[in-house]
Amino acid sequence: MVRWMMALALGAVATSTASATDGLAWDWEGKTHRYLLRTDVQLAEVIWIRSNVSRDSRIVGFSVDIVTTCVGGDAQGRRGWEVICTMDDLTVMFDEAPSEPGIMEELAKELDALYTGKPVELAFNRDGKIRSFEIEGIDETDRRNNQIHQPFREMVRRAFAPLEVRLPRKGTDRGANSWRQVGSMAMQFPSILGSIGRADITYTVTGQEGDVVNMDSTAVGIMGTGEMVTINGVERPRNQYDMELTGNLGFDAGQGYLVRQSYVTTAVSTASATLGEGSNAGYRQRSEARWIDPRARVELGESGERDPSLEAAE
């Protein structure tokens, strides 16, 4: 698998002015867009995942690369659009288990074969928020299949998160050059128990090249992974993390679609966290979405396992 590093500064940036930036509105209706999605995650809390071809595995780090073709449906009034994204190709990499080299490769290849070609159903709000995410075509009535599907669904969700960009009301920044939104799919953990907390994300216009509006994104919040504990009679998240995000993106204001987005999300445990066995103090996620020409040939690497020391060195 080809190693990759996300650039947080992509291309020349025009000088911003005090004039309003207009046309900041999504348009998925009847549109087809193809994207390369990439995410690389080092977990704060391990994920256990079942396997039909090898033993159950303990995941401490992973990457997922996806080539996907997304087709937008008719507008659903104020609720936005339903978008179906087919995973045309998929690469899954897991950090190698030092005590059992090779075991993660079997699991990665199993998931690659199971999920390649599957459709993902996304529901987009008008402002670009992804309000629902579901992978179709998986038999969840089978208990063991469901134990495989639930944790991997959350990993795939991390790869699709960069398709979410929360744009301002009425499609204009009103000359402020920035706006804030509450909640971000990027500021969530790959946990089957969900994520708890609040994160505010701020978008800042940095310039415009033709129809493409360039922006920086920053976010901060205190988030938990959904596991709850009771302390002194009070229920609270077991582990909480101070989380931050920095990134940038390009949005085509003429056609209403995302051209690119990349970001890095980091989190460190708060002083009140009750980290248990299998937990680390920190979390790191690097994610990217890039629009690609429908005719372009994109070849992803083979699924398997990787040396975690190499990822840490990047």
Protein backbone atom coordinates (compact mmCIF):
# COMPACT_ATOMS: atom_id res chain seq x y z
CA MET A 1 0.00 0.00 0.00
CA VAL A 2 1.36 3.38 -0.98
CA ARG A 3 2.11 5.58 2.03
CA TRP A 4 0.54 8.97 1.99
CA MET A 5 0.81 12.21 3.85
CA MET A 6 -1.89 14.82 3.81
CA ALA A 7 -0.91 18.35 2.89
CA LEU A 8 -2.69 20.99 4.92
CA ALA A 9 -1.83 23.64 2.33
CA LEU A 10 -2.96 22.74 -1.18
CA GLY A 11 -2.27 25.09 -4.09
CA ALA A 12 -2.02 28.83 -4.30
CA VAL A 13 -4.45 30.81 -2.19
CA ALA A 14 -5.92 34.09 -3.36
CA THR A 15 -5.95 37.06 -1.00
CA SER A 16 -9.15 37.25 1.00
CA THR A 17 -11.18 40.45 1.10
CA ALA A 18 -13.93 41.86 3.26
CA SER A 19 -16.55 41.28 0.54
CA ALA A 20 -19.08 38.51 1.05
CA THR A 21 -18.40 35.05 -0.33
CA ASP A 22 -21.61 33.79 -1.94
CA GLY A 23 -22.68 30.53 -3.57
CA LEU A 24 -21.65 28.42 -0.58
CA ALA A 25 -24.44 25.88 -1.06
CA TRP A 26 -24.47 22.16 -1.75
CA ASP A 27 -26.25 20.73 -4.78
CA TRP A 28 -26.49 16.94 -4.83
CA GLU A 29 -29.72 16.72 -6.86
CA GLY A 30 -29.17 14.37 -9.80
CA LYS A 31 -25.38 14.80 -9.56
CA THR A 32 -22.71 12.09 -9.72
CA HIS A 33 -19.31 12.63 -8.12
CA ARG A 34 -16.38 10.27 -7.70
CA TYR A 35 -14.03 10.56 -4.73
CA LEU A 36 -10.88 9.06 -3.32
CA LEU A 37 -11.33 8.78 0.45
CA ARG A 38 -8.52 8.06 2.87
CA THR A 39 -8.34 7.79 6.62
CA ASP A 40 -5.54 6.71 8.94
CA VAL A 41 -6.31 6.25 12.63
CA GLN A 42 -4.31 5.48 15.75
CA LEU A 43 -6.83 4.53 18.41
CA ALA A 44 -7.08 5.72 21.98
CA GLU A 45 -9.14 2.64 22.87
CA VAL A 46 -8.77 -0.72 21.17
CA ILE A 47 -11.49 -2.20 18.97
CA TRP A 48 -12.23 -5.92 18.99
CA ILE A 49 -13.51 -7.36 15.72
CA ARG A 50 -14.75 -10.84 14.84
CA SER A 51 -13.54 -12.82 11.84
CA ASN A 52 -14.86 -15.76 9.84
CA VAL A 53 -11.41 -16.74 8.54
CA SER A 54 -9.13 -16.12 11.53
CA ARG A 55 -9.28 -15.44 15.23
CA ASP A 56 -10.99 -12.43 16.75
CA SER A 57 -8.58 -9.50 16.57
CA ARG A 58 -7.60 -6.50 18.66
CA ILE A 59 -7.32 -3.35 16.53
CA VAL A 60 -5.04 -0.55 17.72
CA GLY A 61 -4.55 1.28 14.41
CA PHE A 62 -5.92 1.09 10.88
CA SER A 63 -6.23 2.81 7.54
CA VAL A 64 -9.02 2.61 4.98
CA ASP A 65 -8.75 3.88 1.39
CA ILE A 66 -11.88 3.91 -0.79
CA VAL A 67 -12.68 4.84 -4.36
CA THR A 68 -16.38 5.66 -4.37
CA THR A 69 -18.97 6.85 -6.87
CA CYS A 70 -21.71 8.96 -5.25
CA VAL A 71 -25.09 9.59 -6.88
CA GLY A 72 -27.43 12.21 -5.47
CA GLY A 73 -31.19 11.76 -5.46
CA ASP A 74 -33.97 14.30 -5.68
CA ALA A 75 -34.05 17.07 -3.11
CA GLN A 76 -36.20 16.17 -0.10
CA GLY A 77 -37.42 19.66 0.70
CA ARG A 78 -35.56 21.27 3.56
CA ARG A 79 -34.14 17.92 4.62
CA GLY A 80 -31.62 17.82 1.79
CA TRP A 81 -30.71 14.77 -0.27
CA GLU A 82 -30.23 11.03 -0.09
CA VAL A 83 -26.89 10.10 -1.67
CA ILE A 84 -25.82 6.55 -2.58
CA CYS A 85 -22.05 6.01 -2.68
CA THR A 86 -20.83 2.69 -4.08
CA MET A 87 -17.47 1.50 -2.75
CA ASP A 88 -15.89 0.66 -6.11
CA ASP A 89 -12.55 -0.30 -4.59
CA LEU A 90 -11.25 -0.67 -1.07
CA THR A 91 -7.98 -1.12 0.76
CA VAL A 92 -7.87 -2.01 4.46
CA MET A 93 -4.68 -1.97 6.51
CA PHE A 94 -4.32 -2.93 10.17
CA ASP A 95 -1.36 -2.37 12.46
CA GLU A 96 0.62 -5.58 12.82
CA ALA A 97 0.19 -7.52 16.05
CA PRO A 98 3.84 -7.89 17.23
CA SER A 99 3.19 -11.26 18.87
CA GLU A 100 1.39 -12.72 15.83
CA PRO A 101 2.71 -11.30 12.55
CA GLY A 102 0.43 -12.06 9.61
CA ILE A 103 -2.83 -12.58 11.49
CA MET A 104 -4.14 -9.08 10.71
CA GLU A 105 -3.58 -9.59 6.98
CA GLU A 106 -6.20 -12.34 6.83
CA LEU A 107 -8.78 -10.13 8.54
CA ALA A 108 -8.03 -7.16 6.27
CA LYS A 109 -8.45 -9.26 3.12
CA GLU A 110 -11.69 -10.74 4.46
CA LEU A 111 -13.16 -7.27 5.01
CA ASP A 112 -11.91 -6.04 1.62
CA ALA A 113 -13.74 -8.87 -0.14
CA LEU A 114 -16.90 -8.43 1.95
CA TYR A 115 -17.28 -4.67 1.50
CA THR A 116 -15.97 -3.91 -2.00
CA GLY A 117 -18.96 -3.06 -4.19
CA LYS A 118 -21.30 -2.37 -1.27
CA PRO A 119 -23.39 0.83 -1.35
CA VAL A 120 -23.29 3.41 1.41
CA GLU A 121 -26.44 5.43 2.00
CA LEU A 122 -25.82 8.99 3.16
CA ALA A 123 -28.47 11.54 4.11
CA PHE A 124 -27.21 15.11 3.65
CA ASN A 125 -28.84 18.15 5.17
CA ARG A 126 -29.00 21.32 3.08
CA ASP A 127 -26.03 22.77 4.99
CA GLY A 128 -23.88 19.71 4.26
CA LYS A 129 -24.28 17.89 7.56
CA ILE A 130 -24.39 14.10 7.16
CA ARG A 131 -27.29 13.17 9.41
CA SER A 132 -27.23 9.42 8.72
CA PHE A 133 -24.74 6.85 7.44
CA GLU A 134 -25.57 3.23 6.59
CA ILE A 135 -23.78 0.48 4.68
CA GLU A 136 -26.27 -1.55 2.67
CA GLY A 137 -26.08 -5.18 1.55
CA ILE A 138 -24.80 -6.66 4.83
CA ASP A 139 -26.84 -9.38 6.54
CA GLU A 140 -27.11 -8.00 10.06
CA THR A 141 -29.62 -10.65 11.16
CA ASP A 142 -26.73 -13.09 11.55
CA ARG A 143 -25.23 -12.42 14.98
CA ARG A 144 -21.64 -13.18 14.00
CA ASN A 145 -21.89 -11.11 10.81
CA ASN A 146 -23.20 -8.25 12.92
CA GLN A 147 -20.23 -8.53 15.28
CA ILE A 148 -17.97 -8.14 12.25
CA HIS A 149 -20.03 -5.39 10.65
CA GLN A 150 -20.58 -3.01 13.57
CA PRO A 151 -16.92 -2.17 14.35
CA PHE A 152 -15.85 -2.07 10.70
CA ARG A 153 -18.81 0.17 9.85
CA GLU A 154 -17.35 2.74 12.23
CA MET A 155 -13.96 2.52 10.52
CA VAL A 156 -15.54 3.08 7.10
CA ARG A 157 -17.50 5.97 8.60
CA ARG A 158 -14.18 7.67 9.42
CA ALA A 159 -13.29 7.46 5.72
CA PHE A 160 -16.57 9.08 4.62
CA ALA A 161 -16.44 11.84 7.26
CA PRO A 162 -14.44 14.27 5.03
CA LEU A 163 -17.42 14.49 2.67
CA GLU A 164 -19.17 16.57 5.33
CA VAL A 165 -18.68 20.33 5.09
CA ARG A 166 -21.10 22.51 7.06
CA LEU A 167 -21.81 25.62 4.97
CA PRO A 168 -23.36 28.89 6.22
CA ARG A 169 -27.06 29.69 6.14
CA LYS A 170 -28.35 31.04 2.83
CA GLY A 171 -25.02 30.21 1.19
CA THR A 172 -23.16 33.37 2.17
CA ASP A 173 -20.62 34.32 4.82
CA ARG A 174 -22.02 37.90 4.76
CA GLY A 175 -18.53 39.34 4.55
CA ALA A 176 -17.40 37.83 7.84
CA ASN A 177 -15.11 35.35 6.02
CA SER A 178 -15.88 32.71 8.69
CA TRP A 179 -18.73 30.89 10.40
CA ARG A 180 -19.13 28.33 13.15
CA GLN A 181 -21.17 25.15 13.27
CA VAL A 182 -21.95 22.94 16.24
CA GLY A 183 -21.14 19.27 15.73
CA SER A 184 -18.84 17.60 13.25
CA MET A 185 -18.63 14.03 11.95
CA ALA A 186 -14.85 14.51 11.86
CA MET A 187 -14.80 15.00 15.64
CA GLN A 188 -16.12 11.55 16.48
CA PHE A 189 -14.51 8.26 17.43
CA PRO A 190 -14.81 4.93 15.58
CA SER A 191 -16.77 3.44 18.49
CA ILE A 192 -19.78 1.12 18.27
CA LEU A 193 -21.06 2.89 21.39
CA GLY A 194 -21.02 6.22 19.59
CA SER A 195 -19.41 9.49 20.65
CA ILE A 196 -20.54 11.79 23.45
CA GLY A 197 -19.74 15.45 23.85
CA ARG A 198 -19.71 18.68 21.93
CA ALA A 199 -17.37 20.03 19.30
CA ASP A 200 -17.55 23.38 17.51
CA ILE A 201 -16.04 23.70 14.05
CA THR A 202 -15.08 27.00 12.42
CA TYR A 203 -14.60 27.50 8.69
CA THR A 204 -12.57 30.47 7.46
CA VAL A 205 -12.44 31.58 3.82
CA THR A 206 -8.83 32.11 2.76
CA GLY A 207 -9.32 32.93 -0.90
CA GLN A 208 -10.93 31.93 -4.18
CA GLU A 209 -9.58 30.54 -7.44
CA GLY A 210 -12.26 30.65 -10.12
CA ASP A 211 -15.32 28.94 -8.65
CA VAL A 212 -13.31 27.09 -5.99
CA VAL A 213 -13.49 28.70 -2.55
CA ASN A 214 -10.54 27.75 -0.32
CA MET A 215 -11.10 27.48 3.42
CA ASP A 216 -9.30 26.53 6.59
CA SER A 217 -11.10 24.52 9.26
CA THR A 218 -10.48 24.33 12.99
CA ALA A 219 -12.44 22.58 15.71
CA VAL A 220 -12.21 22.01 19.45
CA GLY A 221 -14.28 19.97 21.85
CA ILE A 222 -14.40 17.51 24.71
CA MET A 223 -15.51 14.11 23.46
CA GLY A 224 -16.03 10.63 24.89
CA THR A 225 -16.37 7.25 23.23
CA GLY A 226 -19.83 6.41 24.55
CA GLU A 227 -18.83 3.99 27.31
CA MET A 228 -20.43 5.11 30.57
CA VAL A 229 -19.47 4.51 34.20
CA THR A 230 -21.11 5.48 37.48
CA ILE A 231 -18.93 7.35 39.97
CA ASN A 232 -20.37 8.45 43.31
CA GLY A 233 -23.84 7.78 41.97
CA VAL A 234 -23.33 9.95 38.89
CA GLU A 235 -23.19 8.48 35.38
CA ARG A 236 -20.51 9.93 33.13
CA PRO A 237 -18.38 8.94 30.14
CA ARG A 238 -15.64 6.58 31.21
CA ASN A 239 -13.02 8.26 29.04
CA GLN A 240 -13.05 11.88 27.92
CA TYR A 241 -10.63 13.56 25.55
CA ASP A 242 -9.67 17.11 24.64
CA MET A 243 -9.99 17.00 20.86
CA GLU A 244 -8.72 19.39 18.19
CA LEU A 245 -8.91 19.51 14.41
CA THR A 246 -6.98 21.49 11.80
CA GLY A 247 -7.49 21.22 8.07
CA ASN A 248 -8.35 22.86 4.79
CA LEU A 249 -10.69 22.32 1.88
CA GLY A 250 -11.81 23.55 -1.50
CA PHE A 251 -15.50 23.89 -2.42
CA ASP A 252 -16.81 24.58 -5.93
CA ALA A 253 -19.35 27.35 -5.37
CA GLY A 254 -20.38 27.29 -9.02
CA GLN A 255 -21.39 23.63 -9.09
CA GLY A 256 -22.08 23.04 -5.40
CA TYR A 257 -19.71 20.17 -4.63
CA LEU A 258 -16.62 19.40 -2.57
CA VAL A 259 -13.35 19.45 -4.50
CA ARG A 260 -11.08 18.38 -1.67
CA GLN A 261 -10.82 18.29 2.11
CA SER A 262 -8.07 17.11 4.43
CA TYR A 263 -7.66 17.37 8.18
CA VAL A 264 -5.83 16.04 11.18
CA THR A 265 -7.72 15.30 14.38
CA THR A 266 -5.89 14.70 17.65
CA ALA A 267 -7.13 13.99 21.15
CA VAL A 268 -5.53 13.57 24.56
CA SER A 269 -7.21 12.18 27.65
CA THR A 270 -8.51 14.63 30.20
CA ALA A 271 -7.43 14.54 33.83
CA SER A 272 -10.78 12.98 34.74
CA ALA A 273 -10.51 10.08 32.31
CA THR A 274 -10.56 6.58 33.80
CA LEU A 275 -8.44 4.86 31.21
CA GLY A 276 -8.68 1.12 31.50
CA GLU A 277 -6.79 -1.82 30.05
CA GLY A 278 -6.33 -1.49 26.31
CA SER A 279 -6.49 2.31 26.36
CA ASN A 280 -3.89 4.83 25.29
CA ALA A 281 -3.57 8.45 26.31
CA GLY A 282 -3.90 9.80 22.77
CA TYR A 283 -5.82 9.52 19.51
CA ARG A 284 -4.85 10.62 16.01
CA GLN A 285 -6.83 10.64 12.79
CA ARG A 286 -5.71 11.87 9.36
CA SER A 287 -8.43 11.98 6.74
CA GLU A 288 -8.81 13.17 3.17
CA ALA A 289 -11.47 13.36 0.45
CA ARG A 290 -10.48 14.28 -3.09
CA TRP A 291 -12.74 14.61 -6.14
CA ILE A 292 -11.49 12.53 -9.06
CA ASP A 293 -12.46 12.48 -12.71
CA PRO A 294 -14.98 9.70 -13.50
CA ARG A 295 -12.66 8.46 -16.27
CA ALA A 296 -9.49 8.50 -14.17
CA ARG A 297 -7.87 5.17 -13.37
CA VAL A 298 -7.13 4.85 -9.67
CA GLU A 299 -5.32 1.79 -8.35
CA LEU A 300 -5.34 1.07 -4.64
CA GLY A 301 -2.88 -1.24 -2.94
CA GLU A 302 -3.55 -4.68 -1.51
CA SER A 303 -5.22 -5.00 1.87
CA GLY A 304 -3.11 -6.42 4.68
CA GLU A 305 -1.13 -5.36 7.71
CA ARG A 306 1.50 -2.72 8.30
CA ASP A 307 4.38 -2.07 10.66
CA PRO A 308 2.97 0.43 13.19
CA SER A 309 6.44 1.88 13.79
CA LEU A 310 6.48 3.15 10.20
CA GLU A 311 3.19 4.96 10.68
CA ALA A 312 4.42 6.58 13.87
CA ALA A 313 7.50 7.87 12.04
CA GLU A 314 5.51 9.72 9.36
